[in-house]
Amino acid sequence: MDRSALEHVLRAASAISNEREFVVIGSQAVLGQFPNAPDALLVSVEVDVYPQHAPEKSDLIDGAIGELSTFHQTFGYYAHGVDETTATLPSGWAERLIPVHNENTGGATGWCLEVHDLAISKLAAGRERDIDFLQVLVREGMVDVNVLRDRLGTLVLPNDRIEAMRKRLLYAASM
């Protein structure tokens, strides 16, 4: 997926939901801060998104332009309607959102996770593909490991879960 595909999803989500502001929380949120992100970060064909002021409309988006929809079959990418509980995020994440708003979004704004907050969500998920994603962010100098350590400290999670995330970060930073 590239930035123009993200903009297209935002435009379509807006038309479907009659909303203008969306939060993008999945891996493709990287396109907010890094419109020309490395290809290794753009393998997903899914945009995890929800209307900022009407998250209950996520189901409309998922049904109309979600996985296996005509939209997905036509364009090769789709929207996954989610909500703010889908990702584990550090304190203050909402104040750091990066806007995507231009003529290609059709009046919609996609508020994308800042890259360190996105990385924290990947550490929390902990799947192999999430760690691979994080490794690229580290290798390409797109994140500061010290910032990630600081943001881990803001999470309200059981200690064993935070410790597992720290280990994942050490692993990703060492590769």
Foldseek 3Di string as FASTA:
>chain_A
DAPLLVLQLLQVLCVQQVAAEKEWQALVLVCLVPRPDDPLSVPAQETEMARPVCLVCLVSQCVDFNPPHPVCVVPVHGYRRDDPVPFQFFPPQVVVWGWDDDVSNVNHIYGGTQPLRSLLRLLLVVDPSSLVSLLSCLVVVVDDLVVNVVRLVRGDDDPVSSVSSVVSSVVSNVD
